[in-house]
Amino acid sequence: MPLKPKTRVGIIGAGGISQVSHIPNIITNDTAELIAVCDTDSARASTLADRYEIPAWYDEPDRMFNDEKLDCVIITTPTISHLPLCQLAMESGADVFLEKPFARNAVEARKMIDIAQRTGKILMVGMNHRFRDDTNHLKKLIEEDELGELITIRSGWLKHLGVWGRPYWFTDIKLAGGGVLLELGMQMIDVICYLMGYPTVIEAVCNISNKVLELEVEDTATSFIRFSNEVSLIMEVGWANLDRDDVAYTHFSGTLGAAVLNPLRLSRRQGDRIIEMIPPGLGDQVELYRRSFRMEITHFIDCVKDRSEPLSSGREALTALKIVDQLYRSAGR
């Protein structure tokens, strides 16, 4: 039986996430072949092509699509470019994986979804936390009512000052569309909605601030969201945590027990006692995070081959982005 041809992949954007995650995960995938890399910085594109033995490099995406017959493309460029690049890719015949943030707002996101529907192409958004083993173990616990009826969720992602104290495209309102609420908050909202099965939002309020970094976008955001299943979410995100370390947590509280992510542990009520359980076999937290990127790229390649709907589709990413838009409106932005 003849071997099936490998999926031909291109990358637009040769920055950090491509170098650290996407390129290594594609070239080690037995069913995919990295054909070309494109970046407006031609020196960076050519250097990466040499380092990873990628057959071709480009500094103009339209030339890449004209010269190469690609099955799919991974786009890791600043958010402002996602809509035009997505349209170019899909109209050139390629399925699209978009790195987060998905779009600057829900209007741009809807346009990309419409293009995907019109062209019959797959649109996947890089929400890698959905592909963590601990996330999906918790999803199963929630679906099996191990926590009982959910009541509250408390979640936070606070990055220490670090890179955010220096100019970066994420901090440019025109390029990014927003600040930490869009960059970190949307990821957290996405995974929480995924775990709960997408209940409707009844109320969403937010307070934002840029007092620490004094950027044109917010460096801190605190939100309250009330869902139709009577669950309340309190969420804090920040780029300016004045501490040595990052802080990341998600706590689910229910009528029968509670669960904490990162690392995952479960607490159950037995009479007047609280019994804590740590699920075995989930592995190191750093490895869970790294593996999530590998699993999402594998999933995308499989969807391209099978013509199946991705786990992190454009439509589901739009749900999270609409909530972020609602939070920004409540904050007066």
C-alpha atoms as a PDB file:
ATOM      1  CA  MET A   1       0.000   0.000   0.000  1.00  0.00           C
ATOM      2  CA  PRO A   2       1.483   3.391  -0.968  1.00  0.00           C
ATOM      3  CA  LEU A   3       2.292   5.776   1.858  1.00  0.00           C
ATOM      4  CA  LYS A   4      -0.054   8.715   2.323  1.00  0.00           C
ATOM      5  CA  PRO A   5       1.564  12.036   1.409  1.00  0.00           C
ATOM      6  CA  LYS A   6       2.610  14.170   4.324  1.00  0.00           C
ATOM      7  CA  THR A   7       0.666  17.321   5.167  1.00  0.00           C
ATOM      8  CA  ARG A   8       2.484  20.315   3.689  1.00  0.00           C
ATOM      9  CA  VAL A   9       2.806  23.043   6.324  1.00  0.00           C
ATOM     10  CA  GLY A  10       3.928  26.663   6.162  1.00  0.00           C
ATOM     11  CA  ILE A  11       4.596  29.100   9.014  1.00  0.00           C
ATOM     12  CA  ILE A  12       4.048  32.861   8.914  1.00  0.00           C
ATOM     13  CA  GLY A  13       5.835  34.560  11.792  1.00  0.00           C
ATOM     14  CA  ALA A  14       9.247  33.347  12.944  1.00  0.00           C
ATOM     15  CA  GLY A  15       9.164  34.751  16.462  1.00  0.00           C
ATOM     16  CA  GLY A  16       9.508  33.098  19.849  1.00  0.00           C
ATOM     17  CA  ILE A  17       6.504  30.758  19.865  1.00  0.00           C
ATOM     18  CA  SER A  18       7.380  29.437  16.399  1.00  0.00           C
ATOM     19  CA  GLN A  19      10.999  28.819  17.353  1.00  0.00           C
ATOM     20  CA  VAL A  20      10.342  27.317  20.787  1.00  0.00           C
ATOM     21  CA  SER A  21       7.237  25.283  20.012  1.00  0.00           C
ATOM     22  CA  HIS A  22       5.647  25.157  16.574  1.00  0.00           C
ATOM     23  CA  ILE A  23       8.653  24.463  14.342  1.00  0.00           C
ATOM     24  CA  PRO A  24      10.097  21.703  16.599  1.00  0.00           C
ATOM     25  CA  ASN A  25       6.655  20.104  16.931  1.00  0.00           C
ATOM     26  CA  ILE A  26       6.040  20.093  13.178  1.00  0.00           C
ATOM     27  CA  ILE A  27       9.413  18.689  12.160  1.00  0.00           C
ATOM     28  CA  THR A  28       9.052  15.832  14.663  1.00  0.00           C
ATOM     29  CA  ASN A  29       5.540  14.984  13.404  1.00  0.00           C
ATOM     30  CA  ASP A  30       5.793  11.934  11.122  1.00  0.00           C
ATOM     31  CA  THR A  31       2.705  12.913   9.139  1.00  0.00           C
ATOM     32  CA  ALA A  32       3.683  16.535   8.401  1.00  0.00           C
ATOM     33  CA  GLU A  33       6.361  18.311   6.403  1.00  0.00           C
ATOM     34  CA  LEU A  34       7.436  21.900   7.051  1.00  0.00           C
ATOM     35  CA  ILE A  35       7.765  23.366   3.574  1.00  0.00           C
ATOM     36  CA  ALA A  36       8.362  27.076   4.152  1.00  0.00           C
ATOM     37  CA  VAL A  37       8.764  29.780   6.766  1.00  0.00           C
ATOM     38  CA  CYS A  38       7.836  33.423   6.206  1.00  0.00           C
ATOM     39  CA  ASP A  39       8.690  36.524   8.214  1.00  0.00           C
ATOM     40  CA  THR A  40       8.988  40.214   7.345  1.00  0.00           C
ATOM     41  CA  ASP A  41      12.475  39.991   8.878  1.00  0.00           C
ATOM     42  CA  SER A  42      14.214  38.170   6.030  1.00  0.00           C
ATOM     43  CA  ALA A  43      17.355  37.524   8.093  1.00  0.00           C
ATOM     44  CA  ARG A  44      15.339  35.760  10.778  1.00  0.00           C
ATOM     45  CA  ALA A  45      13.398  33.725   8.211  1.00  0.00           C
ATOM     46  CA  SER A  46      16.552  32.608   6.391  1.00  0.00           C
ATOM     47  CA  THR A  47      18.344  31.790   9.646  1.00  0.00           C
ATOM     48  CA  LEU A  48      15.480  29.571  10.801  1.00  0.00           C
ATOM     49  CA  ALA A  49      15.296  27.883   7.414  1.00  0.00           C
ATOM     50  CA  ASP A  50      18.994  27.024   7.663  1.00  0.00           C
ATOM     51  CA  ARG A  51      18.804  25.918  11.294  1.00  0.00           C
ATOM     52  CA  TYR A  52      15.860  23.550  10.798  1.00  0.00           C
ATOM     53  CA  GLU A  53      16.566  22.592   7.185  1.00  0.00           C
ATOM     54  CA  ILE A  54      13.295  24.100   5.961  1.00  0.00           C
ATOM     55  CA  PRO A  55      13.292  23.994   2.138  1.00  0.00           C
ATOM     56  CA  ALA A  56      12.182  27.585   1.522  1.00  0.00           C
ATOM     57  CA  TRP A  57      11.917  30.930   3.256  1.00  0.00           C
ATOM     58  CA  TYR A  58      10.049  34.114   2.319  1.00  0.00           C
ATOM     59  CA  ASP A  59       9.594  37.661   3.544  1.00  0.00           C
ATOM     60  CA  GLU A  60       6.265  38.129   1.715  1.00  0.00           C
ATOM     61  CA  PRO A  61       3.380  35.722   2.431  1.00  0.00           C
ATOM     62  CA  ASP A  62       1.716  36.157  -0.970  1.00  0.00           C
ATOM     63  CA  ARG A  63       4.899  34.932  -2.643  1.00  0.00           C
ATOM     64  CA  MET A  64       4.968  31.907  -0.378  1.00  0.00           C
ATOM     65  CA  PHE A  65       1.415  30.959  -1.332  1.00  0.00           C
ATOM     66  CA  ASN A  66       2.131  31.577  -5.029  1.00  0.00           C
ATOM     67  CA  ASP A  67       5.266  29.413  -5.011  1.00  0.00           C
ATOM     68  CA  GLU A  68       4.307  26.616  -2.609  1.00  0.00           C
ATOM     69  CA  LYS A  69       1.298  24.309  -2.588  1.00  0.00           C
ATOM     70  CA  LEU A  70       0.519  24.277   1.123  1.00  0.00           C
ATOM     71  CA  ASP A  71      -2.149  22.218   2.836  1.00  0.00           C
ATOM     72  CA  CYS A  72      -2.140  24.446   5.890  1.00  0.00           C
ATOM     73  CA  VAL A  73      -0.396  27.360   7.529  1.00  0.00           C
ATOM     74  CA  ILE A  74       0.371  28.352  11.113  1.00  0.00           C
ATOM     75  CA  ILE A  75       0.127  32.105  11.727  1.00  0.00           C
ATOM     76  CA  THR A  76       1.981  33.552  14.724  1.00  0.00           C
ATOM     77  CA  THR A  77       2.130  37.224  13.773  1.00  0.00           C
ATOM     78  CA  PRO A  78       0.796  40.305  15.655  1.00  0.00           C
ATOM     79  CA  THR A  79      -2.987  40.225  16.018  1.00  0.00           C
ATOM     80  CA  ILE A  80      -3.637  43.113  13.623  1.00  0.00           C
ATOM     81  CA  SER A  81      -2.414  40.930  10.738  1.00  0.00           C
ATOM     82  CA  HIS A  82      -4.552  37.871  11.485  1.00  0.00           C
ATOM     83  CA  LEU A  83      -7.582  38.816   9.409  1.00  0.00           C
ATOM     84  CA  PRO A  84      -5.740  39.697   6.153  1.00  0.00           C
ATOM     85  CA  LEU A  85      -3.355  36.728   6.480  1.00  0.00           C
ATOM     86  CA  CYS A  86      -6.202  34.348   7.255  1.00  0.00           C
ATOM     87  CA  GLN A  87      -8.071  35.526   4.172  1.00  0.00           C
ATOM     88  CA  LEU A  88      -4.959  35.247   1.989  1.00  0.00           C
ATOM     89  CA  ALA A  89      -4.224  31.736   3.240  1.00  0.00           C
ATOM     90  CA  MET A  90      -7.743  30.371   2.890  1.00  0.00           C
ATOM     91  CA  GLU A  91      -8.309  31.875  -0.538  1.00  0.00           C
ATOM     92  CA  SER A  92      -4.978  30.304  -1.544  1.00  0.00           C
ATOM     93  CA  GLY A  93      -6.320  26.884  -0.497  1.00  0.00           C
ATOM     94  CA  ALA A  94      -4.725  26.448   2.942  1.00  0.00           C
ATOM     95  CA  ASP A  95      -6.312  25.595   6.281  1.00  0.00           C
ATOM     96  CA  VAL A  96      -5.318  27.959   9.091  1.00  0.00           C
ATOM     97  CA  PHE A  97      -4.043  27.635  12.645  1.00  0.00           C
ATOM     98  CA  LEU A  98      -4.039  31.068  14.343  1.00  0.00           C
ATOM     99  CA  GLU A  99      -1.976  31.653  17.451  1.00  0.00           C
ATOM    100  CA  LYS A 100      -3.699  33.572  20.243  1.00  0.00           C
ATOM    101  CA  PRO A 101      -4.928  36.251  20.646  1.00  0.00           C
ATOM    102  CA  PHE A 102      -7.412  35.207  17.939  1.00  0.00           C
ATOM    103  CA  ALA A 103      -8.434  38.716  16.861  1.00  0.00           C
ATOM    104  CA  ARG A 104      -8.503  42.258  18.200  1.00  0.00           C
ATOM    105  CA  ASN A 105     -12.275  42.049  18.659  1.00  0.00           C
ATOM    106  CA  ALA A 106     -15.307  39.911  17.873  1.00  0.00           C
ATOM    107  CA  VAL A 107     -15.996  41.764  14.611  1.00  0.00           C
ATOM    108  CA  GLU A 108     -12.653  40.665  13.143  1.00  0.00           C
ATOM    109  CA  ALA A 109     -13.157  37.151  14.487  1.00  0.00           C
ATOM    110  CA  ARG A 110     -16.569  36.822  12.799  1.00  0.00           C
ATOM    111  CA  LYS A 111     -15.058  37.888   9.476  1.00  0.00           C
ATOM    112  CA  MET A 112     -12.453  35.106   9.683  1.00  0.00           C
ATOM    113  CA  ILE A 113     -15.124  32.564  10.566  1.00  0.00           C
ATOM    114  CA  ASP A 114     -17.172  33.716   7.565  1.00  0.00           C
ATOM    115  CA  ILE A 115     -14.134  33.354   5.277  1.00  0.00           C
ATOM    116  CA  ALA A 116     -13.544  29.823   6.565  1.00  0.00           C
ATOM    117  CA  GLN A 117     -17.171  28.910   5.906  1.00  0.00           C
ATOM    118  CA  ARG A 118     -17.121  30.448   2.422  1.00  0.00           C
ATOM    119  CA  THR A 119     -13.890  28.718   1.390  1.00  0.00           C
ATOM    120  CA  GLY A 120     -14.559  25.431   3.184  1.00  0.00           C
ATOM    121  CA  LYS A 121     -11.321  25.724   5.129  1.00  0.00           C
ATOM    122  CA  ILE A 122     -10.495  24.735   8.707  1.00  0.00           C
ATOM    123  CA  LEU A 123      -9.891  27.513  11.232  1.00  0.00           C
ATOM    124  CA  MET A 124      -8.288  26.528  14.528  1.00  0.00           C
ATOM    125  CA  VAL A 125      -7.161  28.871  17.307  1.00  0.00           C
ATOM    126  CA  GLY A 126      -4.182  27.996  19.492  1.00  0.00           C
ATOM    127  CA  MET A 127      -5.795  27.519  22.907  1.00  0.00           C
ATOM    128  CA  ASN A 128      -3.183  25.061  24.154  1.00  0.00           C
ATOM    129  CA  HIS A 129      -4.563  24.804  27.714  1.00  0.00           C
ATOM    130  CA  ARG A 130      -7.417  22.685  26.313  1.00  0.00           C
ATOM    131  CA  PHE A 131      -4.806  20.073  25.411  1.00  0.00           C
ATOM    132  CA  ARG A 132      -3.335  19.696  28.890  1.00  0.00           C
ATOM    133  CA  ASP A 133      -3.921  16.289  30.466  1.00  0.00           C
ATOM    134  CA  ASP A 134      -4.856  17.887  33.790  1.00  0.00           C
ATOM    135  CA  THR A 135      -7.426  20.153  32.119  1.00  0.00           C
ATOM    136  CA  ASN A 136      -9.145  17.222  30.452  1.00  0.00           C
ATOM    137  CA  HIS A 137      -9.006  15.120  33.621  1.00  0.00           C
ATOM    138  CA  LEU A 138     -10.805  17.949  35.417  1.00  0.00           C
ATOM    139  CA  LYS A 139     -13.356  18.202  32.593  1.00  0.00           C
ATOM    140  CA  LYS A 140     -14.184  14.533  33.081  1.00  0.00           C
ATOM    141  CA  LEU A 141     -14.563  15.046  36.859  1.00  0.00           C
ATOM    142  CA  ILE A 142     -16.975  17.938  36.266  1.00  0.00           C
ATOM    143  CA  GLU A 143     -18.994  15.983  33.676  1.00  0.00           C
ATOM    144  CA  GLU A 144     -19.276  13.042  36.075  1.00  0.00           C
ATOM    145  CA  ASP A 145     -20.504  15.363  38.884  1.00  0.00           C
ATOM    146  CA  GLU A 146     -17.550  14.541  41.128  1.00  0.00           C
ATOM    147  CA  LEU A 147     -17.676  18.134  42.416  1.00  0.00           C
ATOM    148  CA  GLY A 148     -21.451  18.204  42.618  1.00  0.00           C
ATOM    149  CA  GLU A 149     -23.171  21.357  41.428  1.00  0.00           C
ATOM    150  CA  LEU A 150     -20.602  24.053  40.665  1.00  0.00           C
ATOM    151  CA  ILE A 151     -20.935  27.281  42.644  1.00  0.00           C
ATOM    152  CA  THR A 152     -17.857  29.474  42.180  1.00  0.00           C
ATOM    153  CA  ILE A 153     -14.640  29.627  40.177  1.00  0.00           C
ATOM    154  CA  ARG A 154     -11.662  31.726  41.216  1.00  0.00           C
ATOM    155  CA  SER A 155      -8.917  32.095  38.631  1.00  0.00           C
ATOM    156  CA  GLY A 156      -5.789  34.162  38.199  1.00  0.00           C
ATOM    157  CA  TRP A 157      -2.748  34.545  35.982  1.00  0.00           C
ATOM    158  CA  LEU A 158      -0.282  37.154  37.202  1.00  0.00           C
ATOM    159  CA  LYS A 159       3.035  37.474  35.409  1.00  0.00           C
ATOM    160  CA  HIS A 160       5.948  39.143  37.140  1.00  0.00           C
ATOM    161  CA  LEU A 161       7.252  42.353  35.594  1.00  0.00           C
ATOM    162  CA  GLY A 162       9.881  40.795  33.312  1.00  0.00           C
ATOM    163  CA  VAL A 163       9.516  41.446  29.574  1.00  0.00           C
ATOM    164  CA  TRP A 164       6.385  43.524  30.080  1.00  0.00           C
ATOM    165  CA  GLY A 165       8.475  46.365  31.437  1.00  0.00           C
ATOM    166  CA  ARG A 166       9.907  46.844  27.923  1.00  0.00           C
ATOM    167  CA  PRO A 167       8.238  47.835  24.624  1.00  0.00           C
ATOM    168  CA  TYR A 168       6.567  44.859  22.920  1.00  0.00           C
ATOM    169  CA  TRP A 169       3.876  44.536  20.247  1.00  0.00           C
ATOM    170  CA  PHE A 170       1.421  43.095  22.793  1.00  0.00           C
ATOM    171  CA  THR A 171       1.436  46.498  24.491  1.00  0.00           C
ATOM    172  CA  ASP A 172       0.535  48.456  21.325  1.00  0.00           C
ATOM    173  CA  ILE A 173      -3.241  49.022  21.227  1.00  0.00           C
ATOM    174  CA  LYS A 174      -3.305  49.264  17.423  1.00  0.00           C
ATOM    175  CA  LEU A 175      -1.362  46.033  16.874  1.00  0.00           C
ATOM    176  CA  ALA A 176      -2.849  43.965  19.703  1.00  0.00           C
ATOM    177  CA  GLY A 177      -6.327  45.404  20.229  1.00  0.00           C
ATOM    178  CA  GLY A 178      -6.051  45.229  24.014  1.00  0.00           C
ATOM    179  CA  GLY A 179      -3.763  44.424  26.890  1.00  0.00           C
ATOM    180  CA  VAL A 180      -3.533  41.693  29.488  1.00  0.00           C
ATOM    181  CA  LEU A 181      -7.277  40.991  29.486  1.00  0.00           C
ATOM    182  CA  LEU A 182      -7.109  40.035  25.815  1.00  0.00           C
ATOM    183  CA  GLU A 183      -3.726  38.270  26.006  1.00  0.00           C
ATOM    184  CA  LEU A 184      -4.179  36.242  29.206  1.00  0.00           C
ATOM    185  CA  GLY A 185      -7.809  36.717  30.192  1.00  0.00           C
ATOM    186  CA  MET A 186      -9.227  35.303  26.967  1.00  0.00           C
ATOM    187  CA  GLN A 187      -7.217  32.091  27.416  1.00  0.00           C
ATOM    188  CA  MET A 188      -8.581  31.630  30.926  1.00  0.00           C
ATOM    189  CA  ILE A 189     -12.165  32.392  29.908  1.00  0.00           C
ATOM    190  CA  ASP A 190     -11.846  29.967  27.001  1.00  0.00           C
ATOM    191  CA  VAL A 191     -10.686  27.029  29.103  1.00  0.00           C
ATOM    192  CA  ILE A 192     -13.242  27.715  31.855  1.00  0.00           C
ATOM    193  CA  CYS A 193     -16.099  27.833  29.320  1.00  0.00           C
ATOM    194  CA  TYR A 194     -14.710  24.645  27.750  1.00  0.00           C
ATOM    195  CA  LEU A 195     -14.711  22.881  31.127  1.00  0.00           C
ATOM    196  CA  MET A 196     -18.296  23.944  31.881  1.00  0.00           C
ATOM    197  CA  GLY A 197     -19.766  23.251  28.428  1.00  0.00           C
ATOM    198  CA  TYR A 198     -20.322  26.883  27.387  1.00  0.00           C
ATOM    199  CA  PRO A 199     -23.056  28.282  29.634  1.00  0.00           C
ATOM    200  CA  THR A 200     -24.484  31.671  28.641  1.00  0.00           C
ATOM    201  CA  VAL A 201     -23.052  34.787  30.280  1.00  0.00           C
ATOM    202  CA  ILE A 202     -25.674  36.685  32.304  1.00  0.00           C
ATOM    203  CA  GLU A 203     -23.439  39.427  33.681  1.00  0.00           C
ATOM    204  CA  ALA A 204     -19.841  40.512  33.030  1.00  0.00           C
ATOM    205  CA  VAL A 205     -18.098  43.430  34.734  1.00  0.00           C
ATOM    206  CA  CYS A 206     -14.446  44.395  34.816  1.00  0.00           C
ATOM    207  CA  ASN A 207     -12.017  46.934  36.216  1.00  0.00           C
ATOM    208  CA  ILE A 208      -8.785  47.604  34.330  1.00  0.00           C
ATOM    209  CA  SER A 209      -5.662  49.594  35.182  1.00  0.00           C
ATOM    210  CA  ASN A 210      -2.354  50.596  33.594  1.00  0.00           C
ATOM    211  CA  LYS A 211      -0.879  52.298  36.666  1.00  0.00           C
ATOM    212  CA  VAL A 212       2.181  50.066  37.065  1.00  0.00           C
ATOM    213  CA  LEU A 213       3.574  49.882  33.526  1.00  0.00           C
ATOM    214  CA  GLU A 214       1.855  53.080  32.312  1.00  0.00           C
ATOM    215  CA  LEU A 215       1.159  51.608  28.881  1.00  0.00           C
ATOM    216  CA  GLU A 216      -1.643  52.553  26.515  1.00  0.00           C
ATOM    217  CA  VAL A 217      -3.175  49.132  27.249  1.00  0.00           C
ATOM    218  CA  GLU A 218      -4.142  47.694  30.629  1.00  0.00           C
ATOM    219  CA  ASP A 219      -1.533  45.800  32.633  1.00  0.00           C
ATOM    220  CA  THR A 220      -4.064  44.619  35.252  1.00  0.00           C
ATOM    221  CA  ALA A 221      -7.671  43.461  35.020  1.00  0.00           C
ATOM    222  CA  THR A 222     -10.105  42.113  37.602  1.00  0.00           C
ATOM    223  CA  SER A 223     -13.382  40.609  36.361  1.00  0.00           C
ATOM    224  CA  PHE A 224     -16.624  39.136  37.644  1.00  0.00           C
ATOM    225  CA  ILE A 225     -18.723  36.912  35.372  1.00  0.00           C
ATOM    226  CA  ARG A 226     -22.070  35.300  36.224  1.00  0.00           C
ATOM    227  CA  PHE A 227     -23.202  32.396  34.043  1.00  0.00           C
ATOM    228  CA  SER A 228     -26.635  30.941  33.281  1.00  0.00           C
ATOM    229  CA  ASN A 229     -25.788  27.796  35.280  1.00  0.00           C
ATOM    230  CA  GLU A 230     -25.580  30.034  38.384  1.00  0.00           C
ATOM    231  CA  VAL A 231     -21.794  29.738  38.557  1.00  0.00           C
ATOM    232  CA  SER A 232     -19.808  32.893  39.340  1.00  0.00           C
ATOM    233  CA  LEU A 233     -16.263  33.480  38.098  1.00  0.00           C
ATOM    234  CA  ILE A 234     -13.833  35.884  39.746  1.00  0.00           C
ATOM    235  CA  MET A 235     -10.747  36.362  37.566  1.00  0.00           C
ATOM    236  CA  GLU A 236      -7.585  38.438  37.882  1.00  0.00           C
ATOM    237  CA  VAL A 237      -4.880  38.816  35.255  1.00  0.00           C
ATOM    238  CA  GLY A 238      -1.765  40.951  35.221  1.00  0.00           C
ATOM    239  CA  TRP A 239       1.543  41.645  33.531  1.00  0.00           C
ATOM    240  CA  ALA A 240       2.888  43.636  36.469  1.00  0.00           C
ATOM    241  CA  ASN A 241       2.943  41.327  39.472  1.00  0.00           C
ATOM    242  CA  LEU A 242       5.585  42.896  41.689  1.00  0.00           C
ATOM    243  CA  ASP A 243       6.957  39.591  42.860  1.00  0.00           C
ATOM    244  CA  ARG A 244       9.780  37.313  41.710  1.00  0.00           C
ATOM    245  CA  ASP A 245       7.472  34.619  40.377  1.00  0.00           C
ATOM    246  CA  ASP A 246       4.435  34.209  38.175  1.00  0.00           C
ATOM    247  CA  VAL A 247       1.179  33.134  39.807  1.00  0.00           C
ATOM    248  CA  ALA A 248      -1.364  30.899  38.032  1.00  0.00           C
ATOM    249  CA  TYR A 249      -4.349  29.184  39.608  1.00  0.00           C
ATOM    250  CA  THR A 250      -7.907  28.037  38.946  1.00  0.00           C
ATOM    251  CA  HIS A 251     -10.162  26.874  41.794  1.00  0.00           C
ATOM    252  CA  PHE A 252     -13.523  25.182  41.165  1.00  0.00           C
ATOM    253  CA  SER A 253     -15.880  24.919  44.147  1.00  0.00           C
ATOM    254  CA  GLY A 254     -18.972  22.712  44.133  1.00  0.00           C
ATOM    255  CA  THR A 255     -21.522  21.270  46.513  1.00  0.00           C
ATOM    256  CA  LEU A 256     -19.617  17.989  46.915  1.00  0.00           C
ATOM    257  CA  GLY A 257     -16.023  19.031  46.504  1.00  0.00           C
ATOM    258  CA  ALA A 258     -13.446  21.344  45.016  1.00  0.00           C
ATOM    259  CA  ALA A 259     -10.677  21.106  42.436  1.00  0.00           C
ATOM    260  CA  VAL A 260      -7.548  23.141  41.877  1.00  0.00           C
ATOM    261  CA  LEU A 261      -5.604  23.302  38.637  1.00  0.00           C
ATOM    262  CA  ASN A 262      -1.859  23.730  38.326  1.00  0.00           C
ATOM    263  CA  PRO A 263      -1.203  21.226  39.809  1.00  0.00           C
ATOM    264  CA  LEU A 264      -4.519  19.362  39.745  1.00  0.00           C
ATOM    265  CA  ARG A 265      -5.841  18.136  43.075  1.00  0.00           C
ATOM    266  CA  LEU A 266      -9.336  17.216  44.190  1.00  0.00           C
ATOM    267  CA  SER A 267     -10.953  17.681  47.592  1.00  0.00           C
ATOM    268  CA  ARG A 268     -14.125  15.776  48.507  1.00  0.00           C
ATOM    269  CA  ARG A 269     -16.404  16.133  51.507  1.00  0.00           C
ATOM    270  CA  GLN A 270     -16.974  12.984  53.546  1.00  0.00           C
ATOM    271  CA  GLY A 271     -19.234  13.903  56.418  1.00  0.00           C
ATOM    272  CA  ASP A 272     -17.427  16.580  58.398  1.00  0.00           C
ATOM    273  CA  ARG A 273     -14.053  15.683  56.882  1.00  0.00           C
ATOM    274  CA  ILE A 274     -12.292  16.915  53.747  1.00  0.00           C
ATOM    275  CA  ILE A 275     -10.343  14.256  51.832  1.00  0.00           C
ATOM    276  CA  GLU A 276      -7.741  15.458  49.352  1.00  0.00           C
ATOM    277  CA  MET A 277      -6.797  13.391  46.312  1.00  0.00           C
ATOM    278  CA  ILE A 278      -4.096  13.986  43.714  1.00  0.00           C
ATOM    279  CA  PRO A 279      -4.801  12.131  40.440  1.00  0.00           C
ATOM    280  CA  PRO A 280      -1.829   9.903  39.562  1.00  0.00           C
ATOM    281  CA  GLY A 281       0.113   9.843  36.333  1.00  0.00           C
ATOM    282  CA  LEU A 282      -0.403  13.404  35.119  1.00  0.00           C
ATOM    283  CA  GLY A 283       3.289  14.262  35.260  1.00  0.00           C
ATOM    284  CA  ASP A 284       5.336  17.386  35.850  1.00  0.00           C
ATOM    285  CA  GLN A 285       3.618  20.746  35.393  1.00  0.00           C
ATOM    286  CA  VAL A 286       6.288  22.065  33.039  1.00  0.00           C
ATOM    287  CA  GLU A 287       6.045  18.940  30.905  1.00  0.00           C
ATOM    288  CA  LEU A 288       2.233  19.181  30.875  1.00  0.00           C
ATOM    289  CA  TYR A 289       2.523  22.717  29.511  1.00  0.00           C
ATOM    290  CA  ARG A 290       5.097  21.799  26.861  1.00  0.00           C
ATOM    291  CA  ARG A 291       3.155  18.711  25.809  1.00  0.00           C
ATOM    292  CA  SER A 292      -0.009  20.773  25.345  1.00  0.00           C
ATOM    293  CA  PHE A 293       1.631  22.640  22.440  1.00  0.00           C
ATOM    294  CA  ARG A 294       2.709  19.378  20.833  1.00  0.00           C
ATOM    295  CA  MET A 295      -0.774  17.900  21.233  1.00  0.00           C
ATOM    296  CA  GLU A 296      -2.534  20.918  19.722  1.00  0.00           C
ATOM    297  CA  ILE A 297      -0.295  20.889  16.627  1.00  0.00           C
ATOM    298  CA  THR A 298      -0.814  17.131  16.253  1.00  0.00           C
ATOM    299  CA  HIS A 299      -4.568  17.697  16.560  1.00  0.00           C
ATOM    300  CA  PHE A 300      -4.506  20.442  13.915  1.00  0.00           C
ATOM    301  CA  ILE A 301      -2.583  18.258  11.451  1.00  0.00           C
ATOM    302  CA  ASP A 302      -5.046  15.423  12.083  1.00  0.00           C
ATOM    303  CA  CYS A 303      -7.995  17.771  11.426  1.00  0.00           C
ATOM    304  CA  VAL A 304      -6.411  18.902   8.151  1.00  0.00           C
ATOM    305  CA  LYS A 305      -6.015  15.282   7.045  1.00  0.00           C
ATOM    306  CA  ASP A 306      -9.434  14.107   8.248  1.00  0.00           C
ATOM    307  CA  ARG A 307     -11.373  17.312   7.392  1.00  0.00           C
ATOM    308  CA  SER A 308     -12.751  17.317  10.927  1.00  0.00           C
ATOM    309  CA  GLU A 309     -13.797  20.178  13.205  1.00  0.00           C
ATOM    310  CA  PRO A 310     -10.943  21.153  15.540  1.00  0.00           C
ATOM    311  CA  LEU A 311     -11.339  21.025  19.306  1.00  0.00           C
ATOM    312  CA  SER A 312     -10.467  24.736  19.492  1.00  0.00           C
ATOM    313  CA  SER A 313     -12.484  26.070  16.572  1.00  0.00           C
ATOM    314  CA  GLY A 314     -12.870  29.666  15.493  1.00  0.00           C
ATOM    315  CA  ARG A 315     -16.502  29.599  16.645  1.00  0.00           C
ATOM    316  CA  GLU A 316     -15.560  28.567  20.174  1.00  0.00           C
ATOM    317  CA  ALA A 317     -12.740  31.119  20.328  1.00  0.00           C
ATOM    318  CA  LEU A 318     -15.274  33.745  19.263  1.00  0.00           C
ATOM    319  CA  THR A 319     -17.369  32.862  22.337  1.00  0.00           C
ATOM    320  CA  ALA A 320     -14.461  33.775  24.639  1.00  0.00           C
ATOM    321  CA  LEU A 321     -13.649  36.899  22.629  1.00  0.00           C
ATOM    322  CA  LYS A 322     -17.248  38.150  22.853  1.00  0.00           C
ATOM    323  CA  ILE A 323     -17.007  37.856  26.651  1.00  0.00           C
ATOM    324  CA  VAL A 324     -13.744  39.829  26.601  1.00  0.00           C
ATOM    325  CA  ASP A 325     -15.417  42.524  24.481  1.00  0.00           C
ATOM    326  CA  GLN A 326     -18.239  42.673  27.026  1.00  0.00           C
ATOM    327  CA  LEU A 327     -15.732  43.047  29.863  1.00  0.00           C
ATOM    328  CA  TYR A 328     -13.947  45.880  28.051  1.00  0.00           C
ATOM    329  CA  ARG A 329     -17.262  47.692  27.521  1.00  0.00           C
ATOM    330  CA  SER A 330     -18.079  47.388  31.212  1.00  0.00           C
ATOM    331  CA  ALA A 331     -14.665  48.889  32.020  1.00  0.00           C
ATOM    332  CA  GLY A 332     -15.436  51.877  29.801  1.00  0.00           C
ATOM    333  CA  ARG A 333     -12.922  51.110  27.073  1.00  0.00           C
END
